[in-house]
Amino acid sequence: MRVPEERQTQPLRRQLPLTELETGQTAIIVSLEGGHGARQRLRSLGILEGRRIRKISRIGKIGPVVLLVDRAQVAIGHGMAKKILVQAHE
């Protein structure tokens, strides 16, 4: 009987809300939370699952968040930003 070889596994990256991403950090969008209307609004801004984004700035603790999506800057409110789950890139 042959023993299977050890599989090399990559460490799992933690999913976090966009609001917890550091300014200047790049991430991949994992999922969009919230109701149908919120998800549709985010998708209409180009914020889609699987897309790479960069957090450019945030105004205050609960102010708007500015993202770079493709080559466009998009500003969204703190509440909407909390509904975007991402995996940060190092």
Foldseek 3Di string as FASTA:
>chain_A
DDDDDDDDDDDDFDKAFQLPDDAFWKWFWADFDDDPVLVVVCVVVVRDHGFMKGFHDADPSFAWTWIQGPNDIDIDGSVRSRRTITGTDD
